All heavy atoms as atom14 arrays in JSON, in Angstrom:
{
  "sequence": "TLAYHFAARHRERVGGLGLLSPAGLTGVPL",
  "atom14_mask": [
    [1, 1, 1, 1, 1, 1, 1, 0, 0, 0, 0, 0, 0, 0],
    [1, 1, 1, 1, 1, 1, 1, 1, 0, 0, 0, 0, 0, 0],
    [1, 1, 1, 1, 1, 0, 0, 0, 0, 0, 0, 0, 0, 0],
    [1, 1, 1, 1, 1, 1, 1, 1, 1, 1, 1, 1, 0, 0],
    [1, 1, 1, 1, 1, 1, 1, 1, 1, 1, 0, 0, 0, 0],
    [1, 1, 1, 1, 1, 1, 1, 1, 1, 1, 1, 0, 0, 0],
    [1, 1, 1, 1, 1, 0, 0, 0, 0, 0, 0, 0, 0, 0],
    [1, 1, 1, 1, 1, 0, 0, 0, 0, 0, 0, 0, 0, 0],
    [1, 1, 1, 1, 1, 1, 1, 1, 1, 1, 1, 0, 0, 0],
    [1, 1, 1, 1, 1, 1, 1, 1, 1, 1, 0, 0, 0, 0],
    [1, 1, 1, 1, 1, 1, 1, 1, 1, 1, 1, 0, 0, 0],
    [1, 1, 1, 1, 1, 1, 1, 1, 1, 0, 0, 0, 0, 0],
    [1, 1, 1, 1, 1, 1, 1, 1, 1, 1, 1, 0, 0, 0],
    [1, 1, 1, 1, 1, 1, 1, 0, 0, 0, 0, 0, 0, 0],
    [1, 1, 1, 1, 0, 0, 0, 0, 0, 0, 0, 0, 0, 0],
    [1, 1, 1, 1, 0, 0, 0, 0, 0, 0, 0, 0, 0, 0],
    [1, 1, 1, 1, 1, 1, 1, 1, 0, 0, 0, 0, 0, 0],
    [1, 1, 1, 1, 0, 0, 0, 0, 0, 0, 0, 0, 0, 0],
    [1, 1, 1, 1, 1, 1, 1, 1, 0, 0, 0, 0, 0, 0],
    [1, 1, 1, 1, 1, 1, 1, 1, 0, 0, 0, 0, 0, 0],
    [1, 1, 1, 1, 1, 1, 0, 0, 0, 0, 0, 0, 0, 0],
    [1, 1, 1, 1, 1, 1, 1, 0, 0, 0, 0, 0, 0, 0],
    [1, 1, 1, 1, 1, 0, 0, 0, 0, 0, 0, 0, 0, 0],
    [1, 1, 1, 1, 0, 0, 0, 0, 0, 0, 0, 0, 0, 0],
    [1, 1, 1, 1, 1, 1, 1, 1, 0, 0, 0, 0, 0, 0],
    [1, 1, 1, 1, 1, 1, 1, 0, 0, 0, 0, 0, 0, 0],
    [1, 1, 1, 1, 0, 0, 0, 0, 0, 0, 0, 0, 0, 0],
    [1, 1, 1, 1, 1, 1, 1, 0, 0, 0, 0, 0, 0, 0],
    [1, 1, 1, 1, 1, 1, 1, 0, 0, 0, 0, 0, 0, 0],
    [1, 1, 1, 1, 1, 1, 1, 1, 0, 0, 0, 0, 0, 0]
  ],
  "atom14_positions": [
    [[96.03, 97.86, 110.87], [95.62, 96.71, 110.07], [94.38, 97.04, 109.26], [94.23, 96.57, 108.13], [95.36, 95.48, 110.96], [94.38, 95.79, 111.95], [96.63, 95.02, 111.64], [0.0, 0.0, 0.0], [0.0, 0.0, 0.0], [0.0, 0.0, 0.0], [0.0, 0.0, 0.0], [0.0, 0.0, 0.0], [0.0, 0.0, 0.0], [0.0, 0.0, 0.0]],
    [[93.49, 97.86, 109.79], [92.32, 98.27, 109.03], [92.73, 99.07, 107.8], [92.16, 98.89, 106.71], [91.37, 99.1, 109.92], [90.12, 99.66, 109.24], [89.3, 98.54, 108.6], [89.28, 100.44, 110.24], [0.0, 0.0, 0.0], [0.0, 0.0, 0.0], [0.0, 0.0, 0.0], [0.0, 0.0, 0.0], [0.0, 0.0, 0.0], [0.0, 0.0, 0.0]],
    [[93.73, 99.95, 107.94], [94.23, 100.69, 106.79], [94.77, 99.75, 105.72], [94.53, 99.93, 104.52], [95.3, 101.68, 107.23], [0.0, 0.0, 0.0], [0.0, 0.0, 0.0], [0.0, 0.0, 0.0], [0.0, 0.0, 0.0], [0.0, 0.0, 0.0], [0.0, 0.0, 0.0], [0.0, 0.0, 0.0], [0.0, 0.0, 0.0], [0.0, 0.0, 0.0]],
    [[95.49, 98.71, 106.15], [95.98, 97.72, 105.19], [94.82, 97.02, 104.5], [94.79, 96.89, 103.26], [96.88, 96.68, 105.87], [96.98, 95.42, 105.05], [97.77, 95.39, 103.9], [96.21, 94.29, 105.38], [97.79, 94.26, 103.09], [96.25, 93.16, 104.58], [97.03, 93.14, 103.43], [97.05, 92.04, 102.63], [0.0, 0.0, 0.0], [0.0, 0.0, 0.0]],
    [[93.85, 96.53, 105.27], [92.71, 95.82, 104.67], [91.94, 96.73, 103.71], [91.48, 96.28, 102.65], [91.77, 95.31, 105.77], [92.31, 94.18, 106.58], [92.72, 92.99, 106.02], [92.51, 94.05, 107.92], [93.14, 92.17, 106.97], [93.03, 92.8, 108.13], [0.0, 0.0, 0.0], [0.0, 0.0, 0.0], [0.0, 0.0, 0.0], [0.0, 0.0, 0.0]],
    [[91.82, 98.0, 104.07], [91.14, 98.95, 103.19], [91.89, 99.09, 101.87], [91.3, 99.04, 100.79], [91.0, 100.31, 103.87], [90.34, 101.35, 103.01], [88.95, 101.41, 102.91], [91.1, 102.26, 102.29], [88.33, 102.35, 102.1], [90.5, 103.21, 101.48], [89.11, 103.25, 101.38], [0.0, 0.0, 0.0], [0.0, 0.0, 0.0], [0.0, 0.0, 0.0]],
    [[93.21, 99.26, 101.96], [94.01, 99.4, 100.74], [93.98, 98.14, 99.89], [94.0, 98.2, 98.66], [95.45, 99.75, 101.12], [0.0, 0.0, 0.0], [0.0, 0.0, 0.0], [0.0, 0.0, 0.0], [0.0, 0.0, 0.0], [0.0, 0.0, 0.0], [0.0, 0.0, 0.0], [0.0, 0.0, 0.0], [0.0, 0.0, 0.0], [0.0, 0.0, 0.0]],
    [[93.92, 96.98, 100.54], [93.86, 95.72, 99.8], [92.57, 95.6, 99.0], [92.56, 94.99, 97.92], [93.99, 94.55, 100.77], [0.0, 0.0, 0.0], [0.0, 0.0, 0.0], [0.0, 0.0, 0.0], [0.0, 0.0, 0.0], [0.0, 0.0, 0.0], [0.0, 0.0, 0.0], [0.0, 0.0, 0.0], [0.0, 0.0, 0.0], [0.0, 0.0, 0.0]],
    [[91.49, 96.17, 99.51], [90.2, 96.09, 98.83], [89.94, 97.28, 97.92], [89.16, 97.19, 96.97], [89.08, 95.97, 99.87], [89.04, 94.62, 100.58], [88.25, 94.73, 101.86], [88.01, 93.46, 102.51], [88.92, 92.78, 103.21], [90.16, 93.25, 103.3], [88.63, 91.63, 103.79], [0.0, 0.0, 0.0], [0.0, 0.0, 0.0], [0.0, 0.0, 0.0]],
    [[90.57, 98.41, 98.23], [90.31, 99.64, 97.46], [91.65, 100.29, 97.1], [91.93, 101.42, 97.5], [89.45, 100.6, 98.27], [88.11, 100.04, 98.66], [87.07, 99.87, 97.77], [87.66, 99.57, 99.87], [86.03, 99.34, 98.4], [86.35, 99.15, 99.66], [0.0, 0.0, 0.0], [0.0, 0.0, 0.0], [0.0, 0.0, 0.0], [0.0, 0.0, 0.0]],
    [[92.46, 99.57, 96.36], [93.8, 100.04, 96.03], [93.78, 101.42, 95.37], [94.67, 102.25, 95.61], [94.48, 99.02, 95.1], [95.74, 99.5, 94.4], [96.84, 99.81, 95.4], [98.0, 100.38, 94.74], [98.16, 101.67, 94.44], [97.21, 102.53, 94.75], [99.24, 102.1, 93.85], [0.0, 0.0, 0.0], [0.0, 0.0, 0.0], [0.0, 0.0, 0.0]],
    [[92.78, 101.67, 94.55], [92.72, 102.94, 93.81], [92.45, 104.15, 94.69], [92.6, 105.29, 94.25], [91.63, 102.85, 92.73], [90.19, 102.92, 93.24], [89.68, 101.66, 93.94], [90.44, 100.65, 93.96], [88.55, 101.68, 94.46], [0.0, 0.0, 0.0], [0.0, 0.0, 0.0], [0.0, 0.0, 0.0], [0.0, 0.0, 0.0], [0.0, 0.0, 0.0]],
    [[92.14, 103.92, 95.96], [91.77, 105.02, 96.84], [92.85, 105.38, 97.86], [92.62, 106.21, 98.73], [90.47, 104.68, 97.58], [89.3, 104.44, 96.62], [87.97, 104.54, 97.31], [87.7, 105.89, 97.79], [86.53, 106.28, 98.28], [85.53, 105.42, 98.35], [86.34, 107.51, 98.71], [0.0, 0.0, 0.0], [0.0, 0.0, 0.0], [0.0, 0.0, 0.0]],
    [[94.03, 104.77, 97.73], [95.09, 105.0, 98.7], [96.39, 105.33, 97.97], [96.84, 104.57, 97.11], [95.31, 103.76, 99.59], [96.48, 103.97, 100.53], [94.04, 103.44, 100.37], [0.0, 0.0, 0.0], [0.0, 0.0, 0.0], [0.0, 0.0, 0.0], [0.0, 0.0, 0.0], [0.0, 0.0, 0.0], [0.0, 0.0, 0.0], [0.0, 0.0, 0.0]],
    [[96.99, 106.48, 98.33], [98.28, 106.83, 97.76], [99.43, 106.19, 98.49], [100.41, 105.75, 97.89], [0.0, 0.0, 0.0], [0.0, 0.0, 0.0], [0.0, 0.0, 0.0], [0.0, 0.0, 0.0], [0.0, 0.0, 0.0], [0.0, 0.0, 0.0], [0.0, 0.0, 0.0], [0.0, 0.0, 0.0], [0.0, 0.0, 0.0], [0.0, 0.0, 0.0]],
    [[99.35, 106.12, 99.81], [100.39, 105.52, 100.62], [99.82, 105.05, 101.94], [98.71, 105.48, 102.34], [0.0, 0.0, 0.0], [0.0, 0.0, 0.0], [0.0, 0.0, 0.0], [0.0, 0.0, 0.0], [0.0, 0.0, 0.0], [0.0, 0.0, 0.0], [0.0, 0.0, 0.0], [0.0, 0.0, 0.0], [0.0, 0.0, 0.0], [0.0, 0.0, 0.0]],
    [[100.55, 104.19, 102.64], [100.07, 103.6, 103.89], [101.03, 103.88, 105.03], [102.24, 103.68, 104.9], [99.94, 102.08, 103.75], [98.69, 101.51, 103.09], [98.83, 99.99, 102.98], [97.45, 101.87, 103.87], [0.0, 0.0, 0.0], [0.0, 0.0, 0.0], [0.0, 0.0, 0.0], [0.0, 0.0, 0.0], [0.0, 0.0, 0.0], [0.0, 0.0, 0.0]],
    [[100.49, 104.32, 106.16], [101.26, 104.47, 107.38], [100.77, 103.47, 108.4], [99.65, 103.6, 108.91], [0.0, 0.0, 0.0], [0.0, 0.0, 0.0], [0.0, 0.0, 0.0], [0.0, 0.0, 0.0], [0.0, 0.0, 0.0], [0.0, 0.0, 0.0], [0.0, 0.0, 0.0], [0.0, 0.0, 0.0], [0.0, 0.0, 0.0], [0.0, 0.0, 0.0]],
    [[101.56, 102.45, 108.67], [101.18, 101.37, 109.61], [101.93, 101.58, 110.91], [103.13, 101.29, 111.0], [101.48, 100.01, 108.99], [100.92, 99.77, 107.57], [101.27, 98.38, 107.09], [99.42, 100.01, 107.54], [0.0, 0.0, 0.0], [0.0, 0.0, 0.0], [0.0, 0.0, 0.0], [0.0, 0.0, 0.0], [0.0, 0.0, 0.0], [0.0, 0.0, 0.0]],
    [[101.24, 102.08, 111.9], [101.84, 102.48, 113.17], [101.44, 101.48, 114.25], [100.28, 101.43, 114.66], [101.38, 103.89, 113.54], [101.53, 104.94, 112.42], [100.9, 106.27, 112.84], [102.99, 105.12, 112.04], [0.0, 0.0, 0.0], [0.0, 0.0, 0.0], [0.0, 0.0, 0.0], [0.0, 0.0, 0.0], [0.0, 0.0, 0.0], [0.0, 0.0, 0.0]],
    [[102.37, 100.64, 114.66], [102.08, 99.56, 115.61], [100.83, 98.8, 115.18], [99.86, 98.67, 115.93], [101.87, 100.13, 117.03], [102.93, 100.95, 117.43], [0.0, 0.0, 0.0], [0.0, 0.0, 0.0], [0.0, 0.0, 0.0], [0.0, 0.0, 0.0], [0.0, 0.0, 0.0], [0.0, 0.0, 0.0], [0.0, 0.0, 0.0], [0.0, 0.0, 0.0]],
    [[100.81, 98.27, 113.95], [99.58, 97.71, 113.38], [99.23, 96.33, 113.95], [99.56, 95.29, 113.39], [99.9, 97.62, 111.89], [101.38, 97.4, 111.85], [101.94, 98.18, 113.0], [0.0, 0.0, 0.0], [0.0, 0.0, 0.0], [0.0, 0.0, 0.0], [0.0, 0.0, 0.0], [0.0, 0.0, 0.0], [0.0, 0.0, 0.0], [0.0, 0.0, 0.0]],
    [[98.53, 96.31, 115.06], [98.2, 95.06, 115.75], [96.99, 94.38, 115.1], [96.02, 95.04, 114.75], [97.9, 95.35, 117.21], [0.0, 0.0, 0.0], [0.0, 0.0, 0.0], [0.0, 0.0, 0.0], [0.0, 0.0, 0.0], [0.0, 0.0, 0.0], [0.0, 0.0, 0.0], [0.0, 0.0, 0.0], [0.0, 0.0, 0.0], [0.0, 0.0, 0.0]],
    [[97.09, 93.06, 114.94], [95.9, 92.32, 114.54], [95.93, 91.7, 113.18], [94.87, 91.49, 112.57], [0.0, 0.0, 0.0], [0.0, 0.0, 0.0], [0.0, 0.0, 0.0], [0.0, 0.0, 0.0], [0.0, 0.0, 0.0], [0.0, 0.0, 0.0], [0.0, 0.0, 0.0], [0.0, 0.0, 0.0], [0.0, 0.0, 0.0], [0.0, 0.0, 0.0]],
    [[97.09, 91.37, 112.65], [97.16, 90.63, 111.39], [97.64, 89.21, 111.66], [97.17, 88.26, 111.05], [98.09, 91.33, 110.41], [97.84, 91.08, 108.91], [96.43, 91.49, 108.52], [98.87, 91.8, 108.06], [0.0, 0.0, 0.0], [0.0, 0.0, 0.0], [0.0, 0.0, 0.0], [0.0, 0.0, 0.0], [0.0, 0.0, 0.0], [0.0, 0.0, 0.0]],
    [[98.57, 89.08, 112.58], [99.11, 87.75, 112.92], [98.81, 87.38, 114.37], [99.42, 86.46, 114.92], [100.63, 87.72, 112.7], [101.26, 88.73, 113.5], [100.97, 87.94, 111.24], [0.0, 0.0, 0.0], [0.0, 0.0, 0.0], [0.0, 0.0, 0.0], [0.0, 0.0, 0.0], [0.0, 0.0, 0.0], [0.0, 0.0, 0.0], [0.0, 0.0, 0.0]],
    [[97.89, 88.1, 114.99], [97.53, 87.8, 116.36], [97.99, 88.87, 117.34], [98.89, 89.66, 117.05], [0.0, 0.0, 0.0], [0.0, 0.0, 0.0], [0.0, 0.0, 0.0], [0.0, 0.0, 0.0], [0.0, 0.0, 0.0], [0.0, 0.0, 0.0], [0.0, 0.0, 0.0], [0.0, 0.0, 0.0], [0.0, 0.0, 0.0], [0.0, 0.0, 0.0]],
    [[97.34, 88.92, 118.49], [97.68, 89.84, 119.56], [97.91, 89.02, 120.83], [97.04, 88.23, 121.22], [96.55, 90.86, 119.81], [96.85, 91.73, 121.02], [96.35, 91.74, 118.57], [0.0, 0.0, 0.0], [0.0, 0.0, 0.0], [0.0, 0.0, 0.0], [0.0, 0.0, 0.0], [0.0, 0.0, 0.0], [0.0, 0.0, 0.0], [0.0, 0.0, 0.0]],
    [[99.06, 89.17, 121.47], [99.31, 88.42, 122.69], [98.2, 88.62, 123.72], [97.71, 89.73, 123.91], [100.64, 89.0, 123.19], [101.32, 89.49, 121.95], [100.21, 90.01, 121.07], [0.0, 0.0, 0.0], [0.0, 0.0, 0.0], [0.0, 0.0, 0.0], [0.0, 0.0, 0.0], [0.0, 0.0, 0.0], [0.0, 0.0, 0.0], [0.0, 0.0, 0.0]],
    [[97.77, 87.54, 124.35], [96.75, 87.53, 125.41], [95.35, 87.84, 124.9], [94.44, 88.05, 125.7], [97.11, 88.53, 126.53], [98.44, 88.28, 127.24], [98.65, 89.33, 128.33], [98.49, 86.89, 127.84], [0.0, 0.0, 0.0], [0.0, 0.0, 0.0], [0.0, 0.0, 0.0], [0.0, 0.0, 0.0], [0.0, 0.0, 0.0], [0.0, 0.0, 0.0]]
  ]
}
């Protein structure tokens, strides 16, 4: 999720995104 947030703020600095079990955008159980 941090990689996503980084790309959202600094689009020009990311060629592609690898989101591997990206916990923490819509909540984490418990």
